[in-house]
C-alpha cells in the first residue's frame, strides 16, 4: 500500500507516524512544500519575541530523523501541483531542483493547512504573515534591521500574540482590528479585559478600524490616521488551502473547507483531508465548521491512520477549545459564546463569576473572570470563557471536559477537584459556577445581565449598590443608591416598591442581599457578575467615552 501525504506539521506527520506504527510494510511518502516538515508553528510568535531564542528549538523532526525512526520517505521543497483522481496520481514540482515528476498512490492524505487571508489594500505586498518557519525568518530579519514601529493588522489569537512579542522586543506596536473588540471567540465584556491589558503594556489598540493603504513607511487607516510602520504584519485570519482539492474535483463544504465524512474521507474515498483544510463537525449543532487548531489536526491524523488500517474509529466533533497568552493574562474559551448563541436564536443564560486562582488566605491568589453559557431548561453547558493571570487554563480545561462529558452546569458543583491552598479553594471556581447555575436554574434567585441594566432603569427599576460606602464612592453603576448588605435589615424600609436590581462587586454579596430582599417581600434581582463585570462592558466604556 502506497500512501502519499501532502503536507507535514501537525496533521500530516501525525498521520504518517501513526500509520507506520500500525503498518510496518506500507510505503509512506510525505511531500512538504516548505523546507521544514515538522515544526512548532504555534511557537513562531515567541521566536519573534525572543522568548524562544534558538530557531532549532522549533524544529521537532527532520526528514533524516523521520526516516531513521519511522522509515518515512519525507521530501521537503516538494509541491504537489495537481491530482489525477482517475489515475490515482499526483504531479509534483521539486522546488529546489526545479523539476517535475509524477507519483502514483493507493491512498492520498491532504494536509496542506490554511493560507493567511491577505486584504486587497494598496501596498499589502509589504506586509508579512506568520505561518511557516520561512515566515518567521523573514520577520526576524526585518527586526534585525532595527524596526522601531510595527502595525499588526488583525486582533485574533495570532495578532495579539505577535503584538505582545513585538512589544517585548521594544518595538512600538499598533494593532488594527476591524471589529469592535479583540479575540472574536470572547464576548465583549471579556474581550475588554484583553484590550485593557494590551494598552497597559503600551500597545496602541485601534478597534472598529480598517487599513486603507500601506506605504513604505506607514499604514493609513479608515479613521484617517497615518501610523508609522517599519514593519507590517497581517494576521486577519486564515482560510483552508483547498486549491488542490478543488482542482481535483473534490467536494468543498459550505464553510469553505474540504467536505469529509466521519473518517475524514473526501468525496473520493481514496483521498482523505485532515487538519486546517478539512471541515469539522460542531459538537453543539452538528453543523460543518472550521477550527484551525493543532490538537484537532493531530487527532485527524490518527483517525485517518486508524481507518486505513481497519481499526475502530470513534466519531468526533469539535468544541473549539483555545487559549492564548497576552502579557500577564491568560485567555481561554471553549464552545459557543453569547454572541453566537444569540445570532443562532438559541436561548441561553449567562453566568459570570470573579473567583481567585487559589485560597485567598494563601499568598499570591489572583483574580480571574469566568463566564459560562447555559441552556436555561436542561442546564447544558454551551460554552465558557476565562480571563486571568493564573489558573484560567485548568478551569477552562475542566469546563471543556464537562461539555464533552455532558455534565450539566449545576453538576459542576459536584465535581471533586484537587484542592490544597496553593492550588485552589475548597469551593473551586468551577464548583462556584455550578452553585450559581443551580441557584438560577432552580428559580431560587433571578439575575440581570450587564446588557439589561439600561432596560431595567428605563422601566423604573431601582438600582441598589450593596457594597460598602467606600466601594460605592470609588465607582458604581450610574443611578444606583448605596445600601450596604449588612444594613439592609435595619434600613430596607427606605427602598421603593417595584423592581430592584442589586449590585455588588462580583455578585456574591449581591446574591445574599437579593435573597434577603426577596424574603422581605421585594422583587429583587442580582446583577450577574456584579459591578466588576459591568465596568468592563461596552455599556461602561461608552460612558467613559462620553465623559
Protein backbone atom coordinates (compact mmCIF):
# COMPACT_ATOMS: atom_id res chain seq x y z
CA UNK A 1 0.00 0.00 0.00
CA UNK A 2 1.44 3.37 -1.03
CA UNK A 3 0.13 6.34 0.92
CA UNK A 4 1.10 9.84 -0.13
CA UNK A 5 0.66 12.64 2.39
CA UNK A 6 0.57 16.21 1.13
CA UNK A 7 1.85 18.48 3.90
CA UNK A 8 3.56 17.78 7.18
CA UNK A 9 3.47 19.63 10.52
CA UNK A 10 0.69 18.52 12.91
CA UNK A 11 -1.86 16.63 10.81
CA UNK A 12 0.38 15.16 8.14
CA UNK A 13 3.10 13.95 10.47
CA UNK A 14 0.58 12.52 12.96
CA UNK A 15 -0.96 10.52 10.13
CA UNK A 16 2.44 9.34 8.87
CA UNK A 17 3.86 8.23 12.22
CA UNK A 18 0.64 6.62 13.44
CA UNK A 19 0.30 4.75 10.15
CA UNK A 20 3.85 3.45 10.44
CA UNK A 21 3.21 2.20 13.96
CA UNK A 22 0.19 0.31 12.67
CA UNK A 23 1.63 -0.94 9.38
CA UNK A 24 5.36 -1.62 9.05
CA UNK A 25 5.06 -2.55 5.36
CA UNK A 26 3.17 0.46 3.97
CA UNK A 27 5.10 2.79 1.68
CA UNK A 28 4.60 6.25 3.17
CA UNK A 29 5.71 9.34 1.25
CA UNK A 30 5.34 12.83 2.75
CA UNK A 31 5.56 15.76 0.33
CA UNK A 32 6.08 19.14 2.00
CA UNK A 33 6.21 22.40 0.05
CA UNK A 34 8.32 24.29 2.60
CA UNK A 35 11.82 23.44 3.74
CA UNK A 36 10.60 22.14 7.09
CA UNK A 37 8.28 19.20 7.65
CA UNK A 38 7.82 19.06 11.41
CA UNK A 39 7.93 22.24 13.45
CA UNK A 40 6.07 24.01 16.24
CA UNK A 41 4.19 26.67 14.31
CA UNK A 42 2.35 27.72 17.48
CA UNK A 43 5.74 28.75 18.85
CA UNK A 44 6.60 31.08 15.98
CA UNK A 45 5.41 34.32 17.67
CA UNK A 46 7.60 33.53 20.68
CA UNK A 47 10.67 33.21 18.48
CA UNK A 48 9.83 36.68 17.13
CA UNK A 49 9.71 37.95 20.71
CA UNK A 50 12.93 36.26 21.74
CA UNK A 51 11.24 34.05 24.33
CA UNK A 52 12.39 31.09 22.23
CA UNK A 53 15.97 32.07 21.48
CA UNK A 54 17.08 29.24 19.19
CA UNK A 55 15.25 28.56 15.94
CA UNK A 56 16.28 24.90 16.17
CA UNK A 57 14.03 24.59 19.24
CA UNK A 58 11.04 24.98 16.90
CA UNK A 59 12.13 22.09 14.68
CA UNK A 60 10.69 18.86 16.05
CA UNK A 61 11.85 16.36 13.43
CA UNK A 62 13.85 16.36 10.19
CA UNK A 63 13.47 14.15 7.11
CA UNK A 64 16.52 12.20 8.26
CA UNK A 65 15.28 11.63 11.81
CA UNK A 66 11.87 10.57 10.50
CA UNK A 67 13.50 8.09 8.12
CA UNK A 68 15.71 6.65 10.82
CA UNK A 69 12.93 6.12 13.35
CA UNK A 70 9.87 5.50 11.18
CA UNK A 71 11.24 4.62 7.73
CA UNK A 72 9.28 7.52 6.23
CA UNK A 73 10.14 8.96 2.83
CA UNK A 74 9.90 12.66 3.66
CA UNK A 75 10.62 15.12 0.88
CA UNK A 76 10.77 18.83 1.67
CA UNK A 77 10.64 21.53 -1.01
CA UNK A 78 8.24 19.30 -2.92
CA UNK A 79 4.97 20.92 -4.01
CA UNK A 80 2.05 18.85 -5.26
CA UNK A 81 0.58 20.86 -8.12
CA UNK A 82 -2.28 18.60 -9.30
CA UNK A 83 -4.16 15.40 -8.54
CA UNK A 84 -5.39 13.00 -11.20
CA UNK A 85 -8.11 11.13 -9.32
CA UNK A 86 -8.88 8.74 -12.19
CA UNK A 87 -5.27 7.58 -12.49
CA UNK A 88 -4.65 7.98 -8.72
CA UNK A 89 -1.59 10.07 -9.43
CA UNK A 90 -0.13 13.38 -8.24
CA UNK A 91 2.03 15.86 -10.12
CA UNK A 92 4.97 17.07 -8.08
CA UNK A 93 7.26 20.08 -8.51
CA UNK A 94 10.59 19.79 -6.75
CA UNK A 95 11.28 23.40 -5.92
CA UNK A 96 14.98 23.22 -5.07
CA UNK A 97 15.84 21.43 -8.31
CA UNK A 98 13.08 22.94 -10.48
CA UNK A 99 12.00 19.57 -11.79
CA UNK A 100 8.61 17.88 -12.08
CA UNK A 101 7.52 14.27 -11.87
CA UNK A 102 4.50 12.08 -11.10
CA UNK A 103 3.77 9.67 -8.27
CA UNK A 104 1.04 7.04 -8.09
CA UNK A 105 -0.86 6.41 -4.88
CA UNK A 106 -3.24 3.91 -3.39
CA UNK A 107 -4.43 6.44 -0.84
CA UNK A 108 -3.82 10.17 -0.62
CA UNK A 109 -3.98 12.30 2.54
CA UNK A 110 -4.35 16.05 2.06
CA UNK A 111 -2.86 18.12 4.87
CA UNK A 112 -1.89 21.41 3.20
CA UNK A 113 -3.19 23.52 6.07
CA UNK A 114 -4.55 27.01 5.65
CA UNK A 115 -3.39 30.18 3.95
CA UNK A 116 -3.28 33.64 5.52
CA UNK A 117 -6.09 35.98 4.49
CA UNK A 118 -4.48 38.92 2.72
CA UNK A 119 -6.71 42.02 2.39
CA UNK A 120 -6.76 43.70 -1.04
CA UNK A 121 -5.32 47.07 0.00
CA UNK A 122 -2.62 49.09 -1.78
CA UNK A 123 0.86 48.22 -0.54
CA UNK A 124 -0.18 44.93 1.13
CA UNK A 125 2.79 43.18 -0.51
CA UNK A 126 4.96 44.83 2.16
CA UNK A 127 3.08 43.04 4.93
CA UNK A 128 4.42 39.82 6.44
CA UNK A 129 2.34 36.83 7.53
CA UNK A 130 3.37 34.25 10.10
CA UNK A 131 2.56 30.64 9.21
CA UNK A 132 5.86 28.91 8.46
CA UNK A 133 9.47 28.85 9.61
CA UNK A 134 10.37 30.80 6.48
CA UNK A 135 7.85 33.47 7.53
CA UNK A 136 9.42 33.84 10.95
CA UNK A 137 12.88 34.09 9.42
CA UNK A 138 11.72 36.99 7.26
CA UNK A 139 10.16 38.69 10.27
CA UNK A 140 13.28 38.19 12.38
CA UNK A 141 15.38 39.70 9.57
CA UNK A 142 13.09 42.75 9.49
CA UNK A 143 13.53 43.19 13.25
CA UNK A 144 17.29 42.87 12.87
CA UNK A 145 17.11 45.86 10.52
CA UNK A 146 16.18 47.91 13.59
CA UNK A 147 12.43 48.19 13.08
CA UNK A 148 11.09 50.66 15.65
CA UNK A 149 7.39 50.83 14.76
CA UNK A 150 5.08 47.98 13.80
CA UNK A 151 1.44 47.67 12.81
CA UNK A 152 -0.36 44.36 13.25
CA UNK A 153 -3.48 44.01 11.11
CA UNK A 154 -5.93 41.78 12.92
CA UNK A 155 -6.81 41.25 16.57
CA UNK A 156 -7.31 37.50 16.67
CA UNK A 157 -5.17 34.95 18.52
CA UNK A 158 -2.12 35.29 16.26
CA UNK A 159 -2.47 39.08 16.06
CA UNK A 160 -2.43 39.62 19.81
CA UNK A 161 0.44 37.14 20.25
CA UNK A 162 2.55 38.92 17.65
CA UNK A 163 1.68 42.34 19.09
CA UNK A 164 2.78 41.17 22.52
CA UNK A 165 6.05 39.72 21.27
CA UNK A 166 6.93 42.74 19.14
CA UNK A 167 6.30 44.96 22.17
CA UNK A 168 8.54 42.74 24.27
CA UNK A 169 11.25 43.30 21.63
CA UNK A 170 10.97 47.05 22.21
CA UNK A 171 9.01 47.77 19.03
CA UNK A 172 6.23 50.36 19.37
CA UNK A 173 3.24 48.35 18.19
CA UNK A 174 -0.24 49.26 17.00
CA UNK A 175 -2.92 46.65 16.45
CA UNK A 176 -5.68 47.48 13.97
CA UNK A 177 -8.90 45.43 14.21
CA UNK A 178 -11.99 45.89 12.03
CA UNK A 179 -14.37 44.58 14.70
CA UNK A 180 -15.30 46.46 17.86
CA UNK A 181 -13.32 44.06 20.05
CA UNK A 182 -10.27 41.81 20.10
CA UNK A 183 -10.48 37.99 20.07
CA UNK A 184 -13.78 37.10 18.40
CA UNK A 185 -14.33 33.91 20.47
CA UNK A 186 -14.83 36.12 23.53
CA UNK A 187 -17.85 38.20 24.38
CA UNK A 188 -17.24 41.97 24.57
CA UNK A 189 -17.15 42.30 28.36
CA UNK A 190 -14.44 39.62 28.47
CA UNK A 191 -12.52 40.94 25.45
CA UNK A 192 -12.30 44.40 27.01
CA UNK A 193 -10.06 42.94 29.72
CA UNK A 194 -7.63 41.91 26.99
CA UNK A 195 -7.65 45.32 25.32
CA UNK A 196 -7.02 46.97 28.69
CA UNK A 197 -4.06 44.65 29.31
CA UNK A 198 -2.52 45.40 25.93
CA UNK A 199 -2.89 49.13 26.38
CA UNK A 200 -1.40 48.86 29.87
CA UNK A 201 1.72 47.40 28.25
CA UNK A 202 1.93 50.13 25.63
CA UNK A 203 0.16 48.57 22.65
CA UNK A 204 -1.93 51.07 20.70
CA UNK A 205 -5.25 49.25 20.14
CA UNK A 206 -7.37 50.61 17.26
CA UNK A 207 -10.77 48.89 17.20
CA UNK A 208 -13.54 49.36 14.63
CA UNK A 209 -10.88 50.37 12.14
CA UNK A 210 -9.56 49.06 8.84
CA UNK A 211 -6.44 49.60 6.77
CA UNK A 212 -6.86 51.72 3.65
CA UNK A 213 -3.30 51.61 2.36
CA UNK A 214 0.24 50.66 3.27
CA UNK A 215 3.05 53.00 2.26
CA UNK A 216 6.81 52.34 2.52
CA UNK A 217 6.88 54.00 5.95
CA UNK A 218 3.34 53.94 7.36
CA UNK A 219 -0.15 52.48 7.46
CA UNK A 220 -3.18 54.61 6.61
CA UNK A 221 -6.34 53.58 8.46
CA UNK A 222 -10.01 54.28 7.84
CA UNK A 223 -10.21 56.83 10.65
CA UNK A 224 -7.78 59.00 8.69
CA UNK A 225 -4.77 58.42 10.94
CA UNK A 226 -1.37 57.62 9.47
CA UNK A 227 0.54 55.20 11.72
CA UNK A 228 4.33 54.88 11.37
CA UNK A 229 5.31 51.33 10.41
CA UNK A 230 8.76 49.95 9.68
CA UNK A 231 7.15 46.50 9.92
CA UNK A 232 3.62 45.46 8.95
CA UNK A 233 2.21 42.08 9.96
CA UNK A 234 -1.05 40.74 8.55
CA UNK A 235 -2.91 38.44 10.95
CA UNK A 236 -6.54 38.76 9.88
CA UNK A 237 -7.04 35.01 9.91
CA UNK A 238 -6.65 32.00 7.67
CA UNK A 239 -8.73 30.12 5.13
CA UNK A 240 -8.39 26.44 4.15
CA UNK A 241 -5.95 25.88 1.30
CA UNK A 242 -8.37 23.97 -0.93
CA UNK A 243 -6.70 24.70 -4.26
CA UNK A 244 -5.53 21.11 -4.77
CA UNK A 245 -8.84 19.65 -3.64
CA UNK A 246 -10.85 21.98 -5.83
CA UNK A 247 -8.65 21.25 -8.83
CA UNK A 248 -9.21 17.54 -8.28
CA UNK A 249 -12.98 18.00 -8.22
CA UNK A 250 -13.38 17.11 -4.55
CA UNK A 251 -16.44 18.45 -2.75
CA UNK A 252 -15.91 21.72 -0.89
CA UNK A 253 -18.26 22.32 2.03
CA UNK A 254 -20.34 25.37 2.84
CA UNK A 255 -17.75 26.57 5.36
CA UNK A 256 -15.05 26.67 2.69
CA UNK A 257 -13.14 23.59 3.83
CA UNK A 258 -12.93 20.21 2.16
CA UNK A 259 -16.07 18.22 2.93
CA UNK A 260 -15.25 14.98 4.77
CA UNK A 261 -17.14 12.13 6.42
CA UNK A 262 -16.67 10.77 9.93
CA UNK A 263 -13.47 9.03 8.81
CA UNK A 264 -12.10 12.19 7.15
CA UNK A 265 -12.68 10.75 3.69
CA UNK A 266 -13.41 13.24 0.96
CA UNK A 267 -15.96 12.76 -1.81
CA UNK A 268 -13.30 10.50 -3.38
CA UNK A 269 -12.91 7.71 -0.80
CA UNK A 270 -9.28 7.08 -1.73
CA UNK A 271 -8.47 10.63 -0.65
CA UNK A 272 -8.59 11.93 2.93
CA UNK A 273 -8.38 15.53 4.16
CA UNK A 274 -7.16 16.46 7.64
CA UNK A 275 -6.26 19.47 9.73
CA UNK A 276 -6.98 23.07 8.82
CA UNK A 277 -8.05 22.21 5.24
CA UNK A 278 -10.90 19.95 6.36
CA UNK A 279 -14.32 20.78 7.69
CA UNK A 280 -15.17 19.68 11.20
CA UNK A 281 -18.48 18.87 12.85
CA UNK A 282 -19.54 21.25 15.62
CA UNK A 283 -20.45 19.48 18.84
CA UNK A 284 -23.34 21.80 19.68
CA UNK A 285 -25.35 21.75 16.47
CA UNK A 286 -23.61 19.23 14.21
CA UNK A 287 -23.02 21.85 11.51
CA UNK A 288 -19.84 21.99 9.46
CA UNK A 289 -17.28 24.38 10.88
CA UNK A 290 -13.63 25.37 10.60
CA UNK A 291 -11.34 25.03 13.61
CA UNK A 292 -7.67 25.67 12.76
CA UNK A 293 -6.15 24.11 15.88
CA UNK A 294 -3.11 21.82 16.13
CA UNK A 295 -4.72 19.37 18.56
CA UNK A 296 -7.64 18.83 16.17
CA UNK A 297 -5.21 18.28 13.30
CA UNK A 298 -3.27 15.73 15.34
CA UNK A 299 -6.49 13.90 16.12
CA UNK A 300 -7.43 13.88 12.43
CA UNK A 301 -4.11 12.29 11.51
CA UNK A 302 -4.64 9.50 14.00
CA UNK A 303 -8.21 8.89 12.81
CA UNK A 304 -7.13 8.52 9.19
CA UNK A 305 -4.27 6.15 10.02
CA UNK A 306 -6.64 4.02 12.12
CA UNK A 307 -9.24 3.94 9.37
CA UNK A 308 -6.70 2.98 6.72
CA UNK A 309 -5.60 0.01 8.80
CA UNK A 310 -9.09 -1.17 9.71
CA UNK A 311 -9.14 -0.08 13.33
CA UNK A 312 -12.29 1.14 15.08
CA UNK A 313 -12.71 4.90 14.76
CA UNK A 314 -14.81 6.90 17.20
CA UNK A 315 -16.98 9.68 15.74
CA UNK A 316 -15.69 13.01 16.98
CA UNK A 317 -16.94 16.56 16.98
CA UNK A 318 -15.23 19.79 17.99
CA UNK A 319 -15.93 22.41 20.63
CA UNK A 320 -13.09 24.72 19.57
CA UNK A 321 -11.19 24.97 22.85
CA UNK A 322 -8.42 27.58 22.54
CA UNK A 323 -6.06 29.53 24.77
CA UNK A 324 -3.69 32.45 24.35
CA UNK A 325 -1.26 34.43 26.50
CA UNK A 326 -1.30 38.23 26.33
CA UNK A 327 1.37 39.76 28.57
CA UNK A 328 0.30 38.84 32.13
CA UNK A 329 -3.11 37.48 31.13
CA UNK A 330 -4.25 34.02 30.14
CA UNK A 331 -7.34 33.98 27.90
CA UNK A 332 -9.19 30.77 27.09
CA UNK A 333 -12.52 29.79 25.58
CA UNK A 334 -14.47 26.70 24.60
CA UNK A 335 -17.82 26.08 22.94
CA UNK A 336 -20.10 28.90 21.79
CA UNK A 337 -20.09 32.45 23.10
CA UNK A 338 -23.15 34.58 23.85
CA UNK A 339 -22.94 36.46 20.55
CA UNK A 340 -23.02 33.27 18.51
CA UNK A 341 -25.86 31.78 20.53
CA UNK A 342 -27.92 34.96 20.11
CA UNK A 343 -27.25 35.03 16.36
CA UNK A 344 -28.43 31.42 16.11
CA UNK A 345 -31.57 32.17 18.13
CA UNK A 346 -30.64 29.67 20.83
CA UNK A 347 -31.91 30.51 24.33
CA UNK A 348 -29.04 30.75 26.78
CA UNK A 349 -28.30 32.02 30.26
CA UNK A 350 -25.02 33.79 31.02
CA UNK A 351 -23.25 33.33 34.36
CA UNK A 352 -20.26 35.49 35.32
CA UNK A 353 -18.00 34.95 38.33
CA UNK A 354 -14.76 36.50 39.56
CA UNK A 355 -13.10 33.91 41.80
CA UNK A 356 -9.49 33.76 43.00
CA UNK A 357 -6.99 31.35 41.49
CA UNK A 358 -6.47 29.68 44.85
CA UNK A 359 -7.39 30.13 48.51
CA UNK A 360 -7.39 33.83 49.35
CA UNK A 361 -5.55 33.36 52.63
CA UNK A 362 -2.61 31.70 50.86
CA UNK A 363 -0.19 34.27 49.37
CA UNK A 364 -0.35 35.02 45.67
CA UNK A 365 -4.03 34.44 44.93
CA UNK A 366 -5.01 36.25 41.74
CA UNK A 367 -8.49 37.14 40.47
CA UNK A 368 -9.95 35.75 37.26
CA UNK A 369 -13.11 36.33 35.28
CA UNK A 370 -15.11 33.26 34.25
CA UNK A 371 -18.24 33.08 32.11
CA UNK A 372 -20.36 30.12 31.11
CA UNK A 373 -23.34 29.94 28.79
CA UNK A 374 -26.06 27.56 29.90
CA UNK A 375 -29.20 26.17 28.27
CA UNK A 376 -31.90 27.51 30.63
CA UNK A 377 -34.07 24.37 30.66
CA UNK A 378 -31.63 21.46 30.67
CA UNK A 379 -28.61 23.15 32.25
CA UNK A 380 -26.40 22.03 29.35
CA UNK A 381 -23.13 23.96 29.22
CA UNK A 382 -22.94 25.62 25.81
CA UNK A 383 -19.66 27.48 26.19
CA UNK A 384 -17.17 29.01 28.59
CA UNK A 385 -14.63 31.82 28.67
CA UNK A 386 -11.93 32.77 31.14
CA UNK A 387 -9.52 35.68 31.58
CA UNK A 388 -6.98 36.00 34.37
CA UNK A 389 -3.35 35.83 35.38
CA UNK A 390 -3.34 32.38 36.98
CA UNK A 391 -5.48 29.24 36.97
CA UNK A 392 -7.61 30.04 33.92
CA UNK A 393 -6.18 27.21 31.85
CA UNK A 394 -7.15 24.39 34.16
CA UNK A 395 -10.66 25.79 34.77
CA UNK A 396 -11.40 26.04 31.04
CA UNK A 397 -9.97 22.55 30.55
CA UNK A 398 -12.35 21.22 33.21
CA UNK A 399 -15.27 23.05 31.59
CA UNK A 400 -14.31 21.75 28.12
CA UNK A 401 -14.24 18.24 29.58
CA UNK A 402 -17.63 18.83 31.18
CA UNK A 403 -19.07 19.87 27.82
CA UNK A 404 -17.60 16.77 26.18
CA UNK A 405 -18.89 14.56 29.00
CA UNK A 406 -22.43 16.04 29.03
CA UNK A 407 -22.03 17.30 32.60
CA UNK A 408 -24.66 19.94 33.26
CA UNK A 409 -23.90 23.34 34.77
CA UNK A 410 -25.45 22.51 38.20
CA UNK A 411 -23.44 19.28 38.26
CA UNK A 412 -20.23 21.32 38.23
CA UNK A 413 -20.91 21.79 41.95
CA UNK A 414 -20.45 18.03 42.40
CA UNK A 415 -17.00 17.76 40.82
CA UNK A 416 -14.28 16.69 43.24
CA UNK A 417 -11.31 18.72 42.08
CA UNK A 418 -7.81 18.71 43.56
CA UNK A 419 -7.60 21.13 46.45
CA UNK A 420 -4.84 22.49 48.64
CA UNK A 421 -4.42 26.18 49.47
CA UNK A 422 -1.60 26.83 46.95
CA UNK A 423 -3.66 25.36 44.09
CA UNK A 424 -7.33 26.08 44.64
CA UNK A 425 -10.12 26.56 47.15
CA UNK A 426 -12.43 24.18 48.96
CA UNK A 427 -15.06 25.63 46.64
CA UNK A 428 -13.15 25.61 43.37
CA UNK A 429 -14.05 28.31 40.81
CA UNK A 430 -15.62 25.53 38.73
CA UNK A 431 -17.72 24.43 41.71
CA UNK A 432 -18.84 28.03 42.26
CA UNK A 433 -20.12 28.19 38.67
CA UNK A 434 -22.17 25.11 39.48
CA UNK A 435 -23.60 26.63 42.66
CA UNK A 436 -24.62 29.80 40.82
CA UNK A 437 -26.14 27.81 37.97
CA UNK A 438 -28.12 25.69 40.42
CA UNK A 439 -29.45 28.80 42.19
CA UNK A 440 -30.54 30.46 38.95
CA UNK A 441 -31.92 27.42 37.13
CA UNK A 442 -33.90 26.32 40.17
CA UNK A 443 -35.53 29.75 40.41
CA UNK A 444 -34.00 30.50 43.80
CA UNK A 445 -32.66 33.80 42.51
CA UNK A 446 -33.18 35.88 39.40
CA UNK A 447 -30.31 37.68 37.71
CA UNK A 448 -29.85 40.67 35.43
CA UNK A 449 -27.10 40.91 32.80
CA UNK A 450 -24.90 43.98 32.31
CA UNK A 451 -26.55 44.47 28.92
CA UNK A 452 -30.01 44.69 30.54
CA UNK A 453 -29.28 47.45 33.05
CA UNK A 454 -30.48 50.27 30.80
CA UNK A 455 -33.74 48.47 30.05
CA UNK A 456 -34.41 47.97 33.76
CA UNK A 457 -33.58 51.58 34.50
CA UNK A 458 -35.88 52.77 31.68
CA UNK A 459 -38.84 50.94 33.15
CA UNK A 460 -38.30 52.38 36.60
CA UNK A 461 -36.33 49.70 38.43
CA UNK A 462 -34.33 50.89 41.43
CA UNK A 463 -30.58 50.17 41.36
CA UNK A 464 -29.22 49.33 44.81
CA UNK A 465 -25.48 49.03 45.41
CA UNK A 466 -24.97 46.84 48.48
CA UNK A 467 -21.22 47.31 48.79
CA UNK A 468 -19.58 49.46 51.45
CA UNK A 469 -19.79 53.23 51.15
CA UNK A 470 -16.09 53.35 50.29
CA UNK A 471 -16.51 50.94 47.39
CA UNK A 472 -19.58 52.81 46.23
CA UNK A 473 -17.74 56.14 46.16
CA UNK A 474 -14.93 54.64 44.05
CA UNK A 475 -17.42 53.88 41.29
CA UNK A 476 -20.87 52.42 40.75
CA UNK A 477 -23.48 51.92 38.05
CA UNK A 478 -24.95 55.36 37.29
CA UNK A 479 -28.17 55.96 39.17
CA UNK A 480 -27.55 53.40 41.90
CA UNK A 481 -28.16 54.23 45.54
CA UNK A 482 -25.97 52.79 48.30
CA UNK A 483 -27.40 50.43 50.92
CA UNK A 484 -24.68 48.13 52.32
CA UNK A 485 -25.76 44.50 52.64
CA UNK A 486 -25.09 44.47 56.39
CA UNK A 487 -27.56 47.35 56.89
CA UNK A 488 -30.48 46.01 54.85
CA UNK A 489 -32.36 44.51 57.78
CA UNK A 490 -32.43 47.87 59.56
CA UNK A 491 -32.93 50.13 56.53
CA UNK A 492 -34.98 48.16 53.99
CA UNK A 493 -37.98 50.47 54.54
CA UNK A 494 -36.00 53.19 52.71
CA UNK A 495 -36.40 51.24 49.47
CA UNK A 496 -39.18 51.79 47.00
CA UNK A 497 -41.58 49.06 46.00
CA UNK A 498 -41.23 47.65 42.50
CA UNK A 499 -38.30 46.05 40.74
CA UNK A 500 -34.87 46.27 42.36
CA UNK A 501 -31.55 45.43 40.70
CA UNK A 502 -28.97 44.57 43.35
CA UNK A 503 -25.32 45.44 42.64
CA UNK A 504 -22.22 44.31 44.48
CA UNK A 505 -18.61 43.88 43.39
CA UNK A 506 -18.71 40.38 41.85
CA UNK A 507 -22.21 39.06 42.58
CA UNK A 508 -21.62 37.17 45.84
CA UNK A 509 -22.82 39.78 48.32
CA UNK A 510 -25.48 40.65 45.76
CA UNK A 511 -26.83 37.11 45.97
CA UNK A 512 -27.09 37.36 49.77
CA UNK A 513 -28.78 40.76 49.54
CA UNK A 514 -31.16 39.63 46.81
CA UNK A 515 -32.32 36.63 48.82
CA UNK A 516 -32.84 38.81 51.89
CA UNK A 517 -34.84 41.37 49.93
CA UNK A 518 -36.93 38.60 48.35
CA UNK A 519 -37.68 37.27 51.84
CA UNK A 520 -38.71 40.80 52.87
CA UNK A 521 -41.21 40.93 50.01
CA UNK A 522 -39.25 42.87 47.38
CA UNK A 523 -38.96 41.90 43.70
CA UNK A 524 -35.15 41.91 43.69
CA UNK A 525 -32.72 40.57 41.09
CA UNK A 526 -28.96 40.25 41.30
CA UNK A 527 -26.62 41.83 38.74
CA UNK A 528 -24.77 38.81 37.35
CA UNK A 529 -21.03 39.20 37.89
CA UNK A 530 -21.59 42.45 39.78
CA UNK A 531 -20.00 45.82 39.18
CA UNK A 532 -16.75 44.17 38.07
CA UNK A 533 -18.45 42.62 35.04
CA UNK A 534 -20.44 45.78 34.25
CA UNK A 535 -17.34 48.00 34.49
CA UNK A 536 -15.59 46.09 31.68
CA UNK A 537 -18.66 46.05 29.45
CA UNK A 538 -19.39 48.19 26.39
CA UNK A 539 -22.04 49.97 28.48
CA UNK A 540 -19.41 51.24 30.91
CA UNK A 541 -16.87 52.02 28.19
CA UNK A 542 -19.40 54.11 26.28
CA UNK A 543 -19.94 56.21 29.40
CA UNK A 544 -16.17 56.71 29.70
CA UNK A 545 -16.04 57.94 26.11
CA UNK A 546 -18.88 60.39 26.75
CA UNK A 547 -17.24 61.71 29.91
